[in-house]
Protein backbone atom coordinates (compact mmCIF):
# COMPACT_ATOMS: atom_id res chain seq x y z
CA UNK A 1 -48.91 36.32 0.81
CA UNK A 2 -46.69 35.06 3.57
CA UNK A 3 -46.64 31.29 3.26
CA UNK A 4 -45.88 30.81 6.97
CA UNK A 5 -49.18 32.08 8.30
CA UNK A 6 -51.34 29.89 10.51
CA UNK A 7 -54.27 28.47 8.57
CA UNK A 8 -56.29 27.44 11.62
CA UNK A 9 -59.21 29.85 12.03
CA UNK A 10 -60.93 30.00 15.40
CA UNK A 11 -64.24 28.14 15.35
CA UNK A 12 -65.59 30.36 18.13
CA UNK A 13 -65.05 34.13 18.06
CA UNK A 14 -62.93 35.59 20.82
CA UNK A 15 -64.76 38.02 23.05
CA UNK A 16 -61.85 40.46 23.20
CA UNK A 17 -59.72 41.79 20.33
CA UNK A 18 -55.98 41.29 20.41
CA UNK A 19 -54.66 44.73 19.46
CA UNK A 20 -52.92 45.41 16.18
CA UNK A 21 -52.87 42.31 13.98
CA UNK A 22 -51.92 41.11 10.53
CA UNK A 23 -54.92 39.81 8.58
CA UNK A 24 -54.31 37.34 5.76
CA UNK A 25 -57.37 36.98 3.53
CA UNK A 26 -58.22 34.94 0.44
CA UNK A 27 -60.54 36.96 -1.82
CA UNK A 28 -62.88 34.84 -3.98
CA UNK A 29 -65.10 37.12 -6.11
CA UNK A 30 -66.77 34.29 -8.05
CA UNK A 31 -69.44 34.92 -10.67
CA UNK A 32 -72.10 37.45 -11.66
CA UNK A 33 -72.19 40.40 -9.29
CA UNK A 34 -69.57 38.73 -7.10
CA UNK A 35 -66.62 40.86 -8.25
CA UNK A 36 -68.54 44.13 -7.77
CA UNK A 37 -69.81 43.44 -4.27
CA UNK A 38 -66.52 41.90 -3.16
CA UNK A 39 -64.69 45.02 -4.32
CA UNK A 40 -66.79 47.16 -1.97
CA UNK A 41 -66.45 44.75 0.96
CA UNK A 42 -62.69 44.65 0.43
CA UNK A 43 -62.53 48.45 0.32
CA UNK A 44 -64.40 48.59 3.63
CA UNK A 45 -62.04 45.97 5.07
CA UNK A 46 -59.05 48.09 4.01
CA UNK A 47 -60.62 51.16 5.62
CA UNK A 48 -61.21 49.34 8.91
CA UNK A 49 -57.63 48.06 8.94
CA UNK A 50 -56.37 51.57 8.28
CA UNK A 51 -58.58 52.95 11.06
CA UNK A 52 -57.38 50.44 13.65
CA UNK A 53 -53.80 50.09 12.45
CA UNK A 54 -54.03 46.47 11.28
CA UNK A 55 -51.94 45.18 8.40
CA UNK A 56 -53.93 43.53 5.59
CA UNK A 57 -52.56 40.95 3.17
CA UNK A 58 -54.95 39.64 0.52
CA UNK A 59 -54.80 37.58 -2.66
CA UNK A 60 -57.44 36.80 -5.28
CA UNK A 61 -58.41 33.31 -6.45
CA UNK A 62 -60.90 31.72 -8.84
CA UNK A 63 -64.07 29.86 -7.90
CA UNK A 64 -67.29 28.96 -9.70
CA UNK A 65 -68.09 29.38 -13.40
CA UNK A 66 -65.12 31.64 -14.04
CA UNK A 67 -62.87 28.97 -12.56
CA UNK A 68 -64.40 26.31 -14.84
CA UNK A 69 -63.85 28.57 -17.86
CA UNK A 70 -60.20 29.15 -17.00
CA UNK A 71 -59.13 25.87 -15.37
CA UNK A 72 -61.89 23.31 -15.98
CA UNK A 73 -62.54 23.02 -12.23
CA UNK A 74 -65.07 24.99 -10.13
CA UNK A 75 -62.78 24.93 -7.07
CA UNK A 76 -59.21 24.67 -8.36
CA UNK A 77 -56.36 23.30 -6.29
CA UNK A 78 -54.65 26.70 -6.32
CA UNK A 79 -57.74 28.28 -4.74
CA UNK A 80 -57.86 25.62 -2.05
CA UNK A 81 -54.16 26.03 -1.28
CA UNK A 82 -54.61 29.79 -0.89
CA UNK A 83 -57.59 29.32 1.43
CA UNK A 84 -55.64 26.87 3.56
CA UNK A 85 -52.82 29.35 4.23
CA UNK A 86 -55.21 32.24 4.86
CA UNK A 87 -56.86 33.28 8.11
CA UNK A 88 -60.22 33.80 6.39
CA UNK A 89 -61.84 33.85 2.96
CA UNK A 90 -64.15 36.60 1.68
CA UNK A 91 -66.42 35.08 -0.94
CA UNK A 92 -68.85 36.65 -3.44
CA UNK A 93 -71.23 34.36 -5.32
CA UNK A 94 -71.36 31.32 -7.58
CA UNK A 95 -73.57 30.61 -10.59
CA UNK A 96 -73.91 31.30 -14.32
CA UNK A 97 -76.91 30.85 -16.65
CA UNK A 98 -74.88 29.02 -19.27
CA UNK A 99 -74.49 26.16 -16.78
CA UNK A 100 -77.94 26.50 -15.19
CA UNK A 101 -79.57 26.11 -18.60
CA UNK A 102 -77.43 23.18 -19.70
CA UNK A 103 -78.75 19.96 -18.11
CA UNK A 104 -75.98 17.93 -19.77
CA UNK A 105 -73.14 19.94 -18.20
CA UNK A 106 -70.85 17.52 -16.36
CA UNK A 107 -69.17 20.24 -14.29
CA UNK A 108 -71.21 22.95 -12.59
CA UNK A 109 -70.23 26.00 -10.54
CA UNK A 110 -72.22 24.79 -7.53
CA UNK A 111 -70.02 21.69 -7.33
CA UNK A 112 -67.22 24.05 -6.39
CA UNK A 113 -69.22 25.29 -3.43
CA UNK A 114 -69.81 21.76 -2.12
CA UNK A 115 -66.16 20.88 -2.65
CA UNK A 116 -65.02 24.01 -0.84
CA UNK A 117 -67.27 23.17 2.11
CA UNK A 118 -65.97 19.61 2.28
CA UNK A 119 -62.26 20.33 1.72
CA UNK A 120 -62.12 23.25 4.16
CA UNK A 121 -64.24 21.40 6.71
CA UNK A 122 -66.90 24.14 6.70
CA UNK A 123 -69.15 22.27 9.09
CA UNK A 124 -71.36 25.14 10.31
CA UNK A 125 -73.18 27.84 8.38
CA UNK A 126 -74.07 30.82 10.56
CA UNK A 127 -76.85 33.13 9.36
CA UNK A 128 -77.80 36.02 11.60
CA UNK A 129 -81.37 37.19 10.94
CA UNK A 130 -81.73 40.82 11.96
CA UNK A 131 -84.41 43.31 11.00
CA UNK A 132 -83.73 46.92 10.00
CA UNK A 133 -86.18 49.69 10.95
CA UNK A 134 -86.02 51.23 7.48
CA UNK A 135 -86.98 47.91 5.86
CA UNK A 136 -89.84 46.77 8.12
CA UNK A 137 -92.40 47.85 5.53
CA UNK A 138 -90.77 45.53 2.97
CA UNK A 139 -91.15 42.41 5.09
CA UNK A 140 -93.95 40.04 4.00
CA UNK A 141 -94.89 39.83 7.70
CA UNK A 142 -96.57 42.51 9.81
CA UNK A 143 -94.16 45.02 11.29
CA UNK A 144 -95.21 44.15 14.86
CA UNK A 145 -94.19 40.53 14.25
CA UNK A 146 -90.70 41.23 12.90
CA UNK A 147 -89.67 44.48 14.62
CA UNK A 148 -86.85 43.59 16.99
CA UNK A 149 -86.41 40.05 15.63
CA UNK A 150 -82.79 39.01 16.09
CA UNK A 151 -81.84 35.37 15.93
CA UNK A 152 -79.13 33.13 14.54
CA UNK A 153 -79.59 30.03 12.40
CA UNK A 154 -76.80 27.45 12.67
CA UNK A 155 -76.95 24.85 9.91
CA UNK A 156 -74.78 21.74 9.86
CA UNK A 157 -73.07 21.96 6.48
CA UNK A 158 -71.01 18.87 5.65
CA UNK A 159 -73.24 15.94 6.59
CA UNK A 160 -76.76 14.70 6.04
CA UNK A 161 -78.50 13.96 2.76
CA UNK A 162 -76.33 16.25 0.63
CA UNK A 163 -73.25 14.14 1.31
CA UNK A 164 -74.70 10.74 2.29
CA UNK A 165 -74.03 7.69 0.13
CA UNK A 166 -75.39 5.72 -1.64
CA UNK A 167 -77.13 8.29 -3.79
CA UNK A 168 -78.47 7.84 -7.30
CA UNK A 169 -81.10 6.23 -9.48
CA UNK A 170 -81.97 2.70 -10.47
CA UNK A 171 -80.88 1.31 -13.85
CA UNK A 172 -84.33 1.85 -15.33
CA UNK A 173 -84.37 5.43 -14.04
CA UNK A 174 -87.71 5.02 -12.29
CA UNK A 175 -86.43 4.95 -8.72
CA UNK A 176 -84.19 7.54 -7.04
CA UNK A 177 -82.59 7.38 -3.62
CA UNK A 178 -80.64 9.61 -1.23
CA UNK A 179 -79.07 8.62 2.06
CA UNK A 180 -79.06 10.80 5.17
CA UNK A 181 -76.12 9.97 7.44
CA UNK A 182 -74.92 11.64 10.65
CA UNK A 183 -72.26 10.59 13.12
CA UNK A 184 -72.10 11.42 16.82
CA UNK A 185 -68.99 13.53 16.24
CA UNK A 186 -70.73 15.69 13.61
CA UNK A 187 -73.76 16.28 15.80
CA UNK A 188 -71.80 17.00 18.98
CA UNK A 189 -69.57 19.50 17.15
CA UNK A 190 -72.43 21.61 15.82
CA UNK A 191 -74.41 21.50 19.09
CA UNK A 192 -71.45 22.67 21.18
CA UNK A 193 -71.02 25.54 18.73
CA UNK A 194 -74.67 26.51 19.09
CA UNK A 195 -74.50 26.57 22.89
CA UNK A 196 -71.32 28.64 22.89
CA UNK A 197 -72.89 31.22 20.60
CA UNK A 198 -76.03 31.25 22.75
CA UNK A 199 -73.91 32.11 25.78
CA UNK A 200 -72.81 35.25 23.93
CA UNK A 201 -76.42 36.15 23.10
CA UNK A 202 -79.68 35.60 25.03
CA UNK A 203 -78.93 32.08 26.27
CA UNK A 204 -81.53 30.06 24.42
CA UNK A 205 -81.01 27.17 21.96
CA UNK A 206 -83.74 25.65 19.80
CA UNK A 207 -82.81 22.20 18.47
CA UNK A 208 -84.81 21.51 15.32
CA UNK A 209 -85.30 17.94 14.10
CA UNK A 210 -87.93 15.42 12.96
CA UNK A 211 -87.33 12.90 15.73
CA UNK A 212 -90.86 11.52 15.55
CA UNK A 213 -90.13 10.09 12.08
CA UNK A 214 -86.44 10.11 11.10
CA UNK A 215 -83.68 7.99 12.68
CA UNK A 216 -80.93 10.59 12.22
CA UNK A 217 -83.15 13.15 13.96
CA UNK A 218 -83.56 10.79 16.90
CA UNK A 219 -79.75 10.67 17.15
CA UNK A 220 -79.66 14.49 17.08
CA UNK A 221 -82.21 14.74 19.88
CA UNK A 222 -80.52 12.06 21.99
CA UNK A 223 -77.15 13.80 21.76
CA UNK A 224 -78.71 17.21 22.42
CA UNK A 225 -80.33 15.85 25.58
CA UNK A 226 -76.93 14.50 26.67
CA UNK A 227 -75.14 17.79 25.99
CA UNK A 228 -77.74 20.24 27.34
CA UNK A 229 -76.85 19.69 31.04
CA UNK A 230 -73.32 20.89 30.28
CA UNK A 231 -74.89 24.28 29.50
CA UNK A 232 -77.29 24.62 32.42
CA UNK A 233 -77.21 28.41 32.05
CA UNK A 234 -78.75 28.11 28.56
CA UNK A 235 -82.42 27.30 27.97
CA UNK A 236 -82.93 24.38 25.57
CA UNK A 237 -86.09 23.70 23.60
CA UNK A 238 -86.78 20.96 21.06
CA UNK A 239 -88.94 21.57 18.03
CA UNK A 240 -89.98 19.49 15.02
CA UNK A 241 -88.99 21.11 11.76
CA UNK A 242 -92.55 21.62 10.53
CA UNK A 243 -93.43 23.40 13.76
CA UNK A 244 -90.24 25.49 13.52
CA UNK A 245 -91.22 26.56 9.99
CA UNK A 246 -94.53 27.83 11.33
CA UNK A 247 -93.00 29.52 14.37
CA UNK A 248 -90.51 31.48 12.25
CA UNK A 249 -93.51 33.07 10.55
CA UNK A 250 -95.78 33.34 13.58
CA UNK A 251 -93.26 34.55 16.14
CA UNK A 252 -89.72 35.12 14.84
CA UNK A 253 -88.83 37.04 18.01
CA UNK A 254 -89.17 33.83 20.05
CA UNK A 255 -85.87 32.45 18.69
CA UNK A 256 -82.31 33.17 19.79
CA UNK A 257 -80.05 30.41 18.40
CA UNK A 258 -81.67 27.79 16.15
CA UNK A 259 -79.53 24.74 15.27
CA UNK A 260 -80.40 21.97 12.83
CA UNK A 261 -79.17 19.51 10.21
CA UNK A 262 -78.17 20.29 6.64
CA UNK A 263 -81.40 19.83 4.66
CA UNK A 264 -83.69 21.36 7.28
CA UNK A 265 -81.25 24.24 7.72
CA UNK A 266 -81.14 24.91 3.99
CA UNK A 267 -84.91 25.36 3.90
CA UNK A 268 -85.40 27.20 7.21
CA UNK A 269 -82.61 29.73 6.61
CA UNK A 270 -84.13 30.72 3.27
CA UNK A 271 -87.52 31.07 4.93
CA UNK A 272 -86.05 33.18 7.73
CA UNK A 273 -84.09 35.39 5.34
CA UNK A 274 -87.15 36.94 3.67
CA UNK A 275 -88.70 38.28 6.87
CA UNK A 276 -86.11 41.06 6.99
CA UNK A 277 -87.40 42.57 3.74
CA UNK A 278 -84.34 42.09 1.53
CA UNK A 279 -82.00 39.23 0.68
CA UNK A 280 -79.43 41.89 -0.16
CA UNK A 281 -78.94 42.66 3.53
CA UNK A 282 -78.07 39.29 5.03
CA UNK A 283 -74.52 38.02 5.58
CA UNK A 284 -73.33 34.56 6.56
CA UNK A 285 -70.29 32.77 7.91
CA UNK A 286 -69.26 29.20 7.24
CA UNK A 287 -67.12 28.12 10.18
CA UNK A 288 -64.37 25.71 9.21
CA UNK A 289 -61.89 23.28 10.67
CA UNK A 290 -59.24 25.08 8.66
CA UNK A 291 -60.26 28.43 7.18
CA UNK A 292 -63.70 30.00 7.63
CA UNK A 293 -65.55 31.60 4.70
CA UNK A 294 -67.67 34.76 4.83
CA UNK A 295 -70.26 35.49 2.16
CA UNK A 296 -73.66 37.09 1.44
CA UNK A 297 -76.59 34.68 1.32
CA UNK A 298 -77.86 35.87 -2.07
CA UNK A 299 -76.89 34.42 -5.43
CA UNK A 300 -74.82 35.69 -8.33
CA UNK A 301 -77.70 37.77 -9.87
CA UNK A 302 -76.22 37.54 -13.39
CA UNK A 303 -78.80 39.94 -14.83
CA UNK A 304 -77.18 42.77 -12.86
CA UNK A 305 -73.55 41.80 -13.45
CA UNK A 306 -71.40 44.70 -14.61
CA UNK A 307 -74.15 47.29 -14.18
CA UNK A 308 -72.97 48.71 -10.84
CA UNK A 309 -76.47 48.37 -9.34
CA UNK A 310 -76.11 45.36 -7.01
CA UNK A 311 -76.59 45.81 -3.27
CA UNK A 312 -73.18 45.34 -1.58
CA UNK A 313 -74.44 45.59 2.02
CA UNK A 314 -74.77 41.85 2.70
CA UNK A 315 -71.18 41.37 1.57
CA UNK A 316 -70.02 44.34 3.64
CA UNK A 317 -71.80 42.85 6.64
CA UNK A 318 -70.09 39.53 5.87
CA UNK A 319 -66.80 41.39 6.27
CA UNK A 320 -68.07 42.49 9.70
CA UNK A 321 -68.65 38.82 10.57
CA UNK A 322 -65.13 38.07 9.34
CA UNK A 323 -63.61 40.60 11.74
CA UNK A 324 -65.66 39.20 14.61
CA UNK A 325 -65.59 35.46 13.98
CA UNK A 326 -62.20 34.93 12.32
CA UNK A 327 -60.22 37.58 14.19
CA UNK A 328 -62.15 38.24 17.40
CA UNK A 329 -62.30 41.97 16.53
CA UNK A 330 -65.63 42.96 17.98
CA UNK A 331 -65.12 46.72 17.83
CA UNK A 332 -64.13 46.57 14.17
CA UNK A 333 -67.19 44.52 13.29
CA UNK A 334 -69.46 46.91 15.19
CA UNK A 335 -68.07 49.89 13.29
CA UNK A 336 -69.01 48.24 9.99
CA UNK A 337 -72.53 47.50 11.26
CA UNK A 338 -72.91 51.08 12.43
CA UNK A 339 -71.80 52.30 9.02
CA UNK A 340 -74.32 50.10 7.22
CA UNK A 341 -77.13 51.22 9.52
CA UNK A 342 -76.16 54.87 8.97
CA UNK A 343 -76.09 54.42 5.20
CA UNK A 344 -79.63 53.03 5.25
CA UNK A 345 -80.93 55.75 7.56
CA UNK A 346 -79.36 58.39 5.32
CA UNK A 347 -80.80 56.82 2.17
CA UNK A 348 -77.46 55.79 0.68
CA UNK A 349 -78.78 52.52 -0.76
CA UNK A 350 -79.08 50.72 -4.09
CA UNK A 351 -82.24 50.50 -6.17
CA UNK A 352 -83.50 47.25 -4.62
CA UNK A 353 -84.23 48.99 -1.30
CA UNK A 354 -84.43 52.64 -2.40
CA UNK A 355 -88.24 52.36 -2.35
CA UNK A 356 -88.80 54.96 -5.04
CA UNK A 357 -86.23 57.42 -3.72
CA UNK A 358 -82.96 58.23 -5.46
CA UNK A 359 -80.88 55.07 -5.80
CA UNK A 360 -77.12 54.96 -5.46
CA UNK A 361 -74.77 52.70 -7.38
CA UNK A 362 -72.90 49.78 -5.87
CA UNK A 363 -69.68 51.76 -5.78
CA UNK A 364 -71.34 54.88 -4.34
CA UNK A 365 -72.72 52.89 -1.41
CA UNK A 366 -69.32 51.33 -0.83
CA UNK A 367 -67.52 54.67 -0.98
CA UNK A 368 -69.97 56.22 1.51
CA UNK A 369 -69.38 53.41 4.00
CA UNK A 370 -65.60 53.68 3.58
CA UNK A 371 -65.78 57.40 4.32
CA UNK A 372 -67.97 56.76 7.36
CA UNK A 373 -65.47 54.23 8.70
CA UNK A 374 -62.52 56.58 8.21
CA UNK A 375 -64.36 59.50 9.85
């Protein structure tokens, strides 16, 4: 890969593409089904570049359990260096049972994920929650509640309790403590991002906190109230996290852009993800100060690794987010979305969403989408 490329990804997607471009991508397959689903997403990326005349440069790197096995580190320096000189990173999944089932393991794959977030400055996790007509019957909620639901969860990713210090246990082991810390800069950064995305959508921001109890939440609400007048064209509502958890179930269509802190966002995004009917359909983007990372929200699913049965659509849709958010290529991203929708309507899907009909393999789904793109 050309070592002179600019590593600074755009934190906000451009609204207009910039013609023929050179795309420099770090490819991080990771563990479990990661290599299989990444292969299909990369094939779709190649097809889109061929269709639109873009040049694609890509290079593989290790992350997760496979990185520990080969280098002793879950996020090796070589992987970080590659990400830093890339325009974007396409990431599969992290996790392996041999570490999950070993409580004495000093190094774990998930540590690589936290290190990647911190070192790349991945301060915002973006999870679009969109329903698909062919999957409405699989949602745990009534179809009339979820049909047409389309909102975006923005989770602050590098602050809060996950990174606050001190953290630990007392000498006798009977007391544990975690520290939740947020600075004005961290809160302002994520709120401005939420408002800018809302301006590209339906112009509504829901700020989720627990300001009636928690000091950091009171800082969030104070800063949000200071910033909101700068976006007078966007409706702002404030909601306690427990109320937000109920509203996601009761009326998911009432949300447009939901923004919150790290711990609350971790919980609410998982809750929101299941209303669509399948975890295998949801992509995400982690927006960074340096290079942004695009990945499916599901895990490494080690039981399916190597069997060519995993659903690649969330990873393919993550590639669509990459075109849109990292490169400002809206038309390219839309083509991928159209291809995914067409594959589902045609029944070209893997066993997890085949619903008793003939199931296709991971590679068959990927090949069908590639052919759709090229047609």
